[in-house]
C-alpha atoms as a PDB file:
ATOM      1  CA  UNK A   1      64.271 -41.565  22.633  1.00  0.00           C
ATOM      2  CA  UNK A   2      67.303 -40.688  25.205  1.00  0.00           C
ATOM      3  CA  UNK A   3      70.442 -42.536  24.408  1.00  0.00           C
ATOM      4  CA  UNK A   4      71.701 -45.336  26.871  1.00  0.00           C
ATOM      5  CA  UNK A   5      74.967 -44.454  29.133  1.00  0.00           C
ATOM      6  CA  UNK A   6      76.993 -45.250  25.996  1.00  0.00           C
ATOM      7  CA  UNK A   7      79.850 -46.695  28.174  1.00  0.00           C
ATOM      8  CA  UNK A   8      80.356 -43.327  30.225  1.00  0.00           C
ATOM      9  CA  UNK A   9      82.629 -44.219  33.033  1.00  0.00           C
ATOM     10  CA  UNK A  10      80.071 -43.194  36.650  1.00  0.00           C
ATOM     11  CA  UNK A  11      81.959 -43.166  39.722  1.00  0.00           C
ATOM     12  CA  UNK A  12      79.322 -44.784  42.443  1.00  0.00           C
ATOM     13  CA  UNK A  13      80.774 -43.226  45.756  1.00  0.00           C
ATOM     14  CA  UNK A  14      77.273 -44.821  47.847  1.00  0.00           C
ATOM     15  CA  UNK A  15      77.720 -47.240  50.652  1.00  0.00           C
ATOM     16  CA  UNK A  16      79.406 -50.315  48.968  1.00  0.00           C
ATOM     17  CA  UNK A  17      76.087 -52.902  49.811  1.00  0.00           C
ATOM     18  CA  UNK A  18      73.812 -50.267  48.595  1.00  0.00           C
ATOM     19  CA  UNK A  19      75.928 -49.291  45.366  1.00  0.00           C
ATOM     20  CA  UNK A  20      75.449 -52.997  44.268  1.00  0.00           C
ATOM     21  CA  UNK A  21      72.138 -52.078  42.580  1.00  0.00           C
ATOM     22  CA  UNK A  22      73.314 -48.986  40.877  1.00  0.00           C
ATOM     23  CA  UNK A  23      75.978 -50.790  39.631  1.00  0.00           C
ATOM     24  CA  UNK A  24      74.180 -53.178  38.262  1.00  0.00           C
ATOM     25  CA  UNK A  25      71.505 -50.590  36.414  1.00  0.00           C
ATOM     26  CA  UNK A  26      74.263 -48.653  35.148  1.00  0.00           C
ATOM     27  CA  UNK A  27      75.867 -51.700  33.416  1.00  0.00           C
ATOM     28  CA  UNK A  28      72.324 -52.439  31.886  1.00  0.00           C
ATOM     29  CA  UNK A  29      71.743 -48.864  30.371  1.00  0.00           C
ATOM     30  CA  UNK A  30      75.230 -49.064  28.583  1.00  0.00           C
ATOM     31  CA  UNK A  31      77.689 -47.202  31.449  1.00  0.00           C
ATOM     32  CA  UNK A  32      80.892 -48.523  33.002  1.00  0.00           C
ATOM     33  CA  UNK A  33      80.117 -48.228  37.138  1.00  0.00           C
ATOM     34  CA  UNK A  34      83.834 -47.680  38.954  1.00  0.00           C
ATOM     35  CA  UNK A  35      82.390 -48.088  42.509  1.00  0.00           C
ATOM     36  CA  UNK A  36      84.528 -46.773  45.417  1.00  0.00           C
ATOM     37  CA  UNK A  37      82.409 -46.750  48.384  1.00  0.00           C
ATOM     38  CA  UNK A  38      83.284 -43.531  50.221  1.00  0.00           C
ATOM     39  CA  UNK A  39      81.084 -44.486  53.624  1.00  0.00           C
ATOM     40  CA  UNK A  40      79.704 -47.220  55.294  1.00  0.00           C
ATOM     41  CA  UNK A  41      77.487 -47.772  58.155  1.00  0.00           C
ATOM     42  CA  UNK A  42      77.487 -49.041  61.396  1.00  0.00           C
ATOM     43  CA  UNK A  43      74.995 -49.656  64.182  1.00  0.00           C
ATOM     44  CA  UNK A  44      75.450 -47.141  66.917  1.00  0.00           C
ATOM     45  CA  UNK A  45      76.549 -47.763  70.518  1.00  0.00           C
ATOM     46  CA  UNK A  46      73.829 -46.231  72.459  1.00  0.00           C
ATOM     47  CA  UNK A  47      71.885 -49.589  73.338  1.00  0.00           C
ATOM     48  CA  UNK A  48      70.971 -48.515  76.191  1.00  0.00           C
ATOM     49  CA  UNK A  49      69.113 -45.598  75.323  1.00  0.00           C
ATOM     50  CA  UNK A  50      67.427 -47.263  71.932  1.00  0.00           C
ATOM     51  CA  UNK A  51      66.323 -50.109  74.361  1.00  0.00           C
ATOM     52  CA  UNK A  52      64.822 -47.028  76.575  1.00  0.00           C
ATOM     53  CA  UNK A  53      63.371 -45.298  74.216  1.00  0.00           C
ATOM     54  CA  UNK A  54      61.164 -48.068  72.205  1.00  0.00           C
ATOM     55  CA  UNK A  55      60.434 -49.125  75.551  1.00  0.00           C
ATOM     56  CA  UNK A  56      58.405 -45.833  75.836  1.00  0.00           C
ATOM     57  CA  UNK A  57      56.524 -45.810  72.678  1.00  0.00           C
ATOM     58  CA  UNK A  58      52.912 -46.139  73.332  1.00  0.00           C
ATOM     59  CA  UNK A  59      49.704 -47.064  70.879  1.00  0.00           C
ATOM     60  CA  UNK A  60      48.996 -44.502  68.388  1.00  0.00           C
ATOM     61  CA  UNK A  61      52.130 -42.742  68.732  1.00  0.00           C
ATOM     62  CA  UNK A  62      54.287 -42.024  65.150  1.00  0.00           C
ATOM     63  CA  UNK A  63      57.298 -43.522  64.307  1.00  0.00           C
ATOM     64  CA  UNK A  64      59.275 -41.371  61.578  1.00  0.00           C
ATOM     65  CA  UNK A  65      61.759 -43.319  59.494  1.00  0.00           C
ATOM     66  CA  UNK A  66      64.658 -41.066  57.008  1.00  0.00           C
ATOM     67  CA  UNK A  67      65.760 -44.371  55.411  1.00  0.00           C
ATOM     68  CA  UNK A  68      66.083 -47.394  54.496  1.00  0.00           C
ATOM     69  CA  UNK A  69      68.815 -48.013  56.779  1.00  0.00           C
ATOM     70  CA  UNK A  70      67.192 -46.409  59.611  1.00  0.00           C
ATOM     71  CA  UNK A  71      63.801 -49.418  58.919  1.00  0.00           C
ATOM     72  CA  UNK A  72      66.962 -51.858  58.390  1.00  0.00           C
ATOM     73  CA  UNK A  73      68.459 -50.935  62.063  1.00  0.00           C
ATOM     74  CA  UNK A  74      65.549 -50.388  64.185  1.00  0.00           C
ATOM     75  CA  UNK A  75      63.761 -53.715  63.073  1.00  0.00           C
ATOM     76  CA  UNK A  76      67.222 -55.826  63.624  1.00  0.00           C
ATOM     77  CA  UNK A  77      67.452 -53.887  66.559  1.00  0.00           C
ATOM     78  CA  UNK A  78      64.131 -55.561  67.825  1.00  0.00           C
ATOM     79  CA  UNK A  79      65.405 -58.902  66.964  1.00  0.00           C
ATOM     80  CA  UNK A  80      68.030 -59.291  68.968  1.00  0.00           C
ATOM     81  CA  UNK A  81      66.380 -57.900  72.210  1.00  0.00           C
ATOM     82  CA  UNK A  82      63.864 -60.210  71.595  1.00  0.00           C
ATOM     83  CA  UNK A  83      60.765 -57.124  71.537  1.00  0.00           C
ATOM     84  CA  UNK A  84      58.245 -58.268  69.914  1.00  0.00           C
ATOM     85  CA  UNK A  85      56.477 -56.333  67.461  1.00  0.00           C
ATOM     86  CA  UNK A  86      52.550 -56.403  68.134  1.00  0.00           C
ATOM     87  CA  UNK A  87      53.996 -53.568  70.336  1.00  0.00           C
ATOM     88  CA  UNK A  88      53.995 -51.450  67.544  1.00  0.00           C
ATOM     89  CA  UNK A  89      50.599 -52.679  65.486  1.00  0.00           C
ATOM     90  CA  UNK A  90      48.262 -49.103  66.831  1.00  0.00           C
ATOM     91  CA  UNK A  91      51.543 -47.264  65.914  1.00  0.00           C
ATOM     92  CA  UNK A  92      51.335 -44.311  63.263  1.00  0.00           C
ATOM     93  CA  UNK A  93      54.250 -45.123  60.614  1.00  0.00           C
ATOM     94  CA  UNK A  94      56.113 -42.362  58.156  1.00  0.00           C
ATOM     95  CA  UNK A  95      58.314 -42.459  55.599  1.00  0.00           C
ATOM     96  CA  UNK A  96      60.343 -39.985  53.605  1.00  0.00           C
ATOM     97  CA  UNK A  97      59.864 -42.233  50.233  1.00  0.00           C
ATOM     98  CA  UNK A  98      58.966 -45.185  48.068  1.00  0.00           C
ATOM     99  CA  UNK A  99      61.963 -47.249  49.440  1.00  0.00           C
ATOM    100  CA  UNK A 100      61.575 -46.501  52.823  1.00  0.00           C
ATOM    101  CA  UNK A 101      58.028 -47.353  52.466  1.00  0.00           C
ATOM    102  CA  UNK A 102      58.289 -50.343  51.049  1.00  0.00           C
ATOM    103  CA  UNK A 103      60.431 -52.005  53.784  1.00  0.00           C
ATOM    104  CA  UNK A 104      58.312 -50.834  56.859  1.00  0.00           C
ATOM    105  CA  UNK A 105      55.255 -52.700  54.515  1.00  0.00           C
ATOM    106  CA  UNK A 106      57.699 -55.660  53.952  1.00  0.00           C
ATOM    107  CA  UNK A 107      58.048 -56.031  57.878  1.00  0.00           C
ATOM    108  CA  UNK A 108      54.336 -56.136  57.949  1.00  0.00           C
ATOM    109  CA  UNK A 109      53.264 -52.245  59.086  1.00  0.00           C
ATOM    110  CA  UNK A 110      51.407 -49.771  56.900  1.00  0.00           C
ATOM    111  CA  UNK A 111      52.805 -46.345  56.106  1.00  0.00           C
ATOM    112  CA  UNK A 112      50.031 -43.929  56.005  1.00  0.00           C
ATOM    113  CA  UNK A 113      52.009 -40.867  56.149  1.00  0.00           C
ATOM    114  CA  UNK A 114      54.331 -40.550  53.320  1.00  0.00           C
ATOM    115  CA  UNK A 115      55.383 -36.759  51.511  1.00  0.00           C
ATOM    116  CA  UNK A 116      55.008 -36.432  47.579  1.00  0.00           C
ATOM    117  CA  UNK A 117      58.183 -34.777  47.850  1.00  0.00           C
ATOM    118  CA  UNK A 118      61.320 -36.627  49.632  1.00  0.00           C
ATOM    119  CA  UNK A 119      62.550 -34.488  52.060  1.00  0.00           C
ATOM    120  CA  UNK A 120      62.757 -33.801  55.682  1.00  0.00           C
ATOM    121  CA  UNK A 121      60.543 -30.428  55.269  1.00  0.00           C
ATOM    122  CA  UNK A 122      57.360 -32.066  53.557  1.00  0.00           C
ATOM    123  CA  UNK A 123      57.542 -34.970  55.326  1.00  0.00           C
ATOM    124  CA  UNK A 124      57.425 -32.806  58.473  1.00  0.00           C
ATOM    125  CA  UNK A 125      54.744 -31.117  57.138  1.00  0.00           C
ATOM    126  CA  UNK A 126      52.617 -34.307  56.318  1.00  0.00           C
ATOM    127  CA  UNK A 127      52.833 -35.781  60.003  1.00  0.00           C
ATOM    128  CA  UNK A 128      51.923 -32.560  61.471  1.00  0.00           C
ATOM    129  CA  UNK A 129      48.677 -32.388  59.034  1.00  0.00           C
ATOM    130  CA  UNK A 130      47.696 -36.243  60.238  1.00  0.00           C
ATOM    131  CA  UNK A 131      48.746 -36.122  63.504  1.00  0.00           C
ATOM    132  CA  UNK A 132      48.010 -34.500  66.957  1.00  0.00           C
ATOM    133  CA  UNK A 133      50.267 -33.183  69.247  1.00  0.00           C
ATOM    134  CA  UNK A 134      49.058 -35.691  71.744  1.00  0.00           C
ATOM    135  CA  UNK A 135      50.767 -38.471  69.559  1.00  0.00           C
ATOM    136  CA  UNK A 136      54.742 -38.706  70.350  1.00  0.00           C
ATOM    137  CA  UNK A 137      56.945 -38.339  67.888  1.00  0.00           C
ATOM    138  CA  UNK A 138      59.652 -40.905  67.637  1.00  0.00           C
ATOM    139  CA  UNK A 139      62.399 -40.539  64.957  1.00  0.00           C
ATOM    140  CA  UNK A 140      65.001 -42.712  63.627  1.00  0.00           C
ATOM    141  CA  UNK A 141      67.918 -42.012  62.319  1.00  0.00           C
ATOM    142  CA  UNK A 142      71.567 -41.716  61.587  1.00  0.00           C
ATOM    143  CA  UNK A 143      73.873 -39.341  63.588  1.00  0.00           C
ATOM    144  CA  UNK A 144      74.496 -37.149  60.387  1.00  0.00           C
ATOM    145  CA  UNK A 145      70.719 -36.697  59.527  1.00  0.00           C
ATOM    146  CA  UNK A 146      69.767 -33.010  59.090  1.00  0.00           C
ATOM    147  CA  UNK A 147      68.375 -31.436  62.251  1.00  0.00           C
ATOM    148  CA  UNK A 148      65.696 -29.744  59.832  1.00  0.00           C
ATOM    149  CA  UNK A 149      62.710 -32.000  60.866  1.00  0.00           C
ATOM    150  CA  UNK A 150      63.153 -32.357  64.703  1.00  0.00           C
ATOM    151  CA  UNK A 151      62.970 -28.288  64.338  1.00  0.00           C
ATOM    152  CA  UNK A 152      60.292 -28.166  62.066  1.00  0.00           C
ATOM    153  CA  UNK A 153      57.724 -30.480  64.064  1.00  0.00           C
ATOM    154  CA  UNK A 154      59.220 -29.222  67.660  1.00  0.00           C
ATOM    155  CA  UNK A 155      58.169 -25.800  66.138  1.00  0.00           C
ATOM    156  CA  UNK A 156      54.588 -26.725  65.528  1.00  0.00           C
ATOM    157  CA  UNK A 157      54.315 -28.016  69.092  1.00  0.00           C
ATOM    158  CA  UNK A 158      54.937 -32.118  68.841  1.00  0.00           C
ATOM    159  CA  UNK A 159      57.203 -33.627  71.332  1.00  0.00           C
ATOM    160  CA  UNK A 160      60.148 -35.431  69.454  1.00  0.00           C
ATOM    161  CA  UNK A 161      62.340 -38.105  70.471  1.00  0.00           C
ATOM    162  CA  UNK A 162      65.465 -38.533  68.583  1.00  0.00           C
ATOM    163  CA  UNK A 163      66.821 -42.063  67.915  1.00  0.00           C
ATOM    164  CA  UNK A 164      70.324 -42.340  66.524  1.00  0.00           C
ATOM    165  CA  UNK A 165      70.268 -45.940  65.554  1.00  0.00           C
ATOM    166  CA  UNK A 166      73.286 -46.002  63.448  1.00  0.00           C
ATOM    167  CA  UNK A 167      76.567 -43.995  62.789  1.00  0.00           C
ATOM    168  CA  UNK A 168      77.816 -43.218  58.753  1.00  0.00           C
ATOM    169  CA  UNK A 169      81.496 -43.359  58.731  1.00  0.00           C
ATOM    170  CA  UNK A 170      83.745 -41.828  55.886  1.00  0.00           C
ATOM    171  CA  UNK A 171      85.912 -44.440  54.431  1.00  0.00           C
ATOM    172  CA  UNK A 172      89.347 -42.003  53.733  1.00  0.00           C
ATOM    173  CA  UNK A 173      91.546 -44.486  52.176  1.00  0.00           C
ATOM    174  CA  UNK A 174      90.459 -44.106  48.723  1.00  0.00           C
ATOM    175  CA  UNK A 175      91.126 -40.540  47.817  1.00  0.00           C
ATOM    176  CA  UNK A 176      94.307 -41.653  45.628  1.00  0.00           C
ATOM    177  CA  UNK A 177      92.443 -43.683  43.843  1.00  0.00           C
ATOM    178  CA  UNK A 178      90.085 -41.207  42.920  1.00  0.00           C
ATOM    179  CA  UNK A 179      92.707 -38.640  42.127  1.00  0.00           C
ATOM    180  CA  UNK A 180      94.386 -41.567  40.012  1.00  0.00           C
ATOM    181  CA  UNK A 181      90.884 -41.921  37.746  1.00  0.00           C
ATOM    182  CA  UNK A 182      90.500 -37.804  37.423  1.00  0.00           C
ATOM    183  CA  UNK A 183      93.989 -37.423  36.190  1.00  0.00           C
ATOM    184  CA  UNK A 184      94.178 -40.140  33.692  1.00  0.00           C
ATOM    185  CA  UNK A 185      90.345 -38.770  32.277  1.00  0.00           C
ATOM    186  CA  UNK A 186      88.925 -41.854  33.432  1.00  0.00           C
ATOM    187  CA  UNK A 187      85.797 -40.995  35.096  1.00  0.00           C
ATOM    188  CA  UNK A 188      82.840 -38.936  33.109  1.00  0.00           C
ATOM    189  CA  UNK A 189      80.564 -38.550  35.950  1.00  0.00           C
ATOM    190  CA  UNK A 190      80.677 -38.580  39.450  1.00  0.00           C
ATOM    191  CA  UNK A 191      77.516 -39.627  41.480  1.00  0.00           C
ATOM    192  CA  UNK A 192      76.722 -38.219  45.327  1.00  0.00           C
ATOM    193  CA  UNK A 193      73.116 -40.258  46.392  1.00  0.00           C
ATOM    194  CA  UNK A 194      73.484 -37.982  49.802  1.00  0.00           C
ATOM    195  CA  UNK A 195      74.923 -35.123  51.325  1.00  0.00           C
ATOM    196  CA  UNK A 196      77.543 -37.670  53.388  1.00  0.00           C
ATOM    197  CA  UNK A 197      78.676 -38.836  50.290  1.00  0.00           C
ATOM    198  CA  UNK A 198      79.686 -34.944  49.070  1.00  0.00           C
ATOM    199  CA  UNK A 199      80.970 -34.454  52.830  1.00  0.00           C
ATOM    200  CA  UNK A 200      83.221 -37.744  52.313  1.00  0.00           C
ATOM    201  CA  UNK A 201      84.509 -37.234  48.726  1.00  0.00           C
ATOM    202  CA  UNK A 202      85.412 -33.565  49.795  1.00  0.00           C
ATOM    203  CA  UNK A 203      86.939 -35.122  52.607  1.00  0.00           C
ATOM    204  CA  UNK A 204      89.349 -37.585  50.776  1.00  0.00           C
ATOM    205  CA  UNK A 205      90.007 -34.970  47.979  1.00  0.00           C
ATOM    206  CA  UNK A 206      91.220 -32.445  50.530  1.00  0.00           C
ATOM    207  CA  UNK A 207      94.149 -30.470  49.258  1.00  0.00           C
ATOM    208  CA  UNK A 208      93.893 -31.728  46.007  1.00  0.00           C
ATOM    209  CA  UNK A 209      93.143 -29.279  42.801  1.00  0.00           C
ATOM    210  CA  UNK A 210      89.520 -30.055  42.658  1.00  0.00           C
ATOM    211  CA  UNK A 211      88.946 -27.844  39.765  1.00  0.00           C
ATOM    212  CA  UNK A 212      91.329 -28.715  37.547  1.00  0.00           C
ATOM    213  CA  UNK A 213      90.577 -32.233  38.531  1.00  0.00           C
ATOM    214  CA  UNK A 214      87.160 -32.322  37.798  1.00  0.00           C
ATOM    215  CA  UNK A 215      87.122 -29.962  34.792  1.00  0.00           C
ATOM    216  CA  UNK A 216      86.006 -32.354  32.203  1.00  0.00           C
ATOM    217  CA  UNK A 217      83.670 -34.666  34.919  1.00  0.00           C
ATOM    218  CA  UNK A 218      79.853 -34.248  35.595  1.00  0.00           C
ATOM    219  CA  UNK A 219      78.966 -34.194  39.188  1.00  0.00           C
ATOM    220  CA  UNK A 220      75.030 -35.974  39.758  1.00  0.00           C
ATOM    221  CA  UNK A 221      73.021 -34.792  42.757  1.00  0.00           C
ATOM    222  CA  UNK A 222      70.310 -37.395  43.495  1.00  0.00           C
ATOM    223  CA  UNK A 223      68.304 -34.046  44.901  1.00  0.00           C
ATOM    224  CA  UNK A 224      68.172 -30.671  46.101  1.00  0.00           C
ATOM    225  CA  UNK A 225      69.078 -31.115  49.422  1.00  0.00           C
ATOM    226  CA  UNK A 226      72.953 -32.904  47.913  1.00  0.00           C
ATOM    227  CA  UNK A 227      72.969 -30.457  44.989  1.00  0.00           C
ATOM    228  CA  UNK A 228      72.757 -27.455  47.878  1.00  0.00           C
ATOM    229  CA  UNK A 229      75.792 -29.548  49.589  1.00  0.00           C
ATOM    230  CA  UNK A 230      77.729 -29.758  46.672  1.00  0.00           C
ATOM    231  CA  UNK A 231      76.851 -26.272  46.053  1.00  0.00           C
ATOM    232  CA  UNK A 232      78.544 -24.959  49.110  1.00  0.00           C
ATOM    233  CA  UNK A 233      81.655 -26.594  48.400  1.00  0.00           C
ATOM    234  CA  UNK A 234      81.964 -24.498  45.007  1.00  0.00           C
ATOM    235  CA  UNK A 235      80.732 -26.844  42.780  1.00  0.00           C
ATOM    236  CA  UNK A 236      77.972 -26.830  40.763  1.00  0.00           C
ATOM    237  CA  UNK A 237      76.305 -30.390  38.397  1.00  0.00           C
ATOM    238  CA  UNK A 238      73.259 -31.686  37.437  1.00  0.00           C
ATOM    239  CA  UNK A 239      70.105 -33.056  39.481  1.00  0.00           C
ATOM    240  CA  UNK A 240      67.193 -35.275  39.040  1.00  0.00           C
ATOM    241  CA  UNK A 241      63.532 -34.144  39.601  1.00  0.00           C
ATOM    242  CA  UNK A 242      62.698 -37.116  41.533  1.00  0.00           C
ATOM    243  CA  UNK A 243      64.999 -38.430  44.383  1.00  0.00           C
ATOM    244  CA  UNK A 244      65.930 -42.219  43.157  1.00  0.00           C
ATOM    245  CA  UNK A 245      69.006 -44.246  41.604  1.00  0.00           C
ATOM    246  CA  UNK A 246      67.055 -44.456  38.522  1.00  0.00           C
ATOM    247  CA  UNK A 247      66.255 -40.509  37.529  1.00  0.00           C
ATOM    248  CA  UNK A 248      69.648 -40.293  38.256  1.00  0.00           C
ATOM    249  CA  UNK A 249      70.673 -42.545  35.560  1.00  0.00           C
ATOM    250  CA  UNK A 250      67.729 -41.111  33.004  1.00  0.00           C
ATOM    251  CA  UNK A 251      69.232 -37.578  33.971  1.00  0.00           C
ATOM    252  CA  UNK A 252      72.980 -38.807  33.150  1.00  0.00           C
ATOM    253  CA  UNK A 253      71.317 -40.100  29.605  1.00  0.00           C
ATOM    254  CA  UNK A 254      69.846 -36.667  29.138  1.00  0.00           C
ATOM    255  CA  UNK A 255      72.694 -35.203  29.707  1.00  0.00           C
ATOM    256  CA  UNK A 256      74.830 -37.051  27.235  1.00  0.00           C
ATOM    257  CA  UNK A 257      71.715 -36.278  24.818  1.00  0.00           C
ATOM    258  CA  UNK A 258      72.414 -32.787  25.262  1.00  0.00           C
ATOM    259  CA  UNK A 259      75.865 -32.612  24.869  1.00  0.00           C
ATOM    260  CA  UNK A 260      75.729 -34.223  21.395  1.00  0.00           C
ATOM    261  CA  UNK A 261      73.385 -31.504  19.997  1.00  0.00           C
END
């Protein structure tokens, strides 16, 4: 049995509302969460374009969501603009992961396409296997999502509409707070739940001696894409095999165990 988090101080860099659940889980595992949201989300300022895109959806088209944020902003848009959900009753829904799938199904729509590995590359393969080129693909996502899904589906002959529903904004105000915590050796782990959180961290810590500041800290990535983004900045760390915050907590537990040996 892996030990609990043993009072380890863990920085959470994800968006504030999403950080709440993560912080609670860390507390329940015996850790000390320190919430410093480095990103926030805002709805995109392209309402007319989104309205036109949704108007163009036809029965049997495939609606693809790569995050819970995309689902939330999409259905909020429908409500705000009095668009009835029956319009979507014959559409095919695709989701990149379990939480995104659950949120769509909570809205009353079955998700028939979900990859075994929660990354865009695998999702593209699943969509290609379960749809035909006559079905239009609508991708609802944020402004910083990777282009790989669009590129792979287009390469396979699908027609894809890219609908950016929300924007990811970097919060650059907390760099000094994080620097102080690091200088005082107040952090054991820093968690990254997306490439956006890595980019934001590097942005707020710009011009600081990160090699020195991070010398006693373990960086934790939720999955291989986030881990690769971290590597691109020249830093390493530990990474999860399944891409959830529960897996991140378990990965920190096993890391603590290995450090004690």
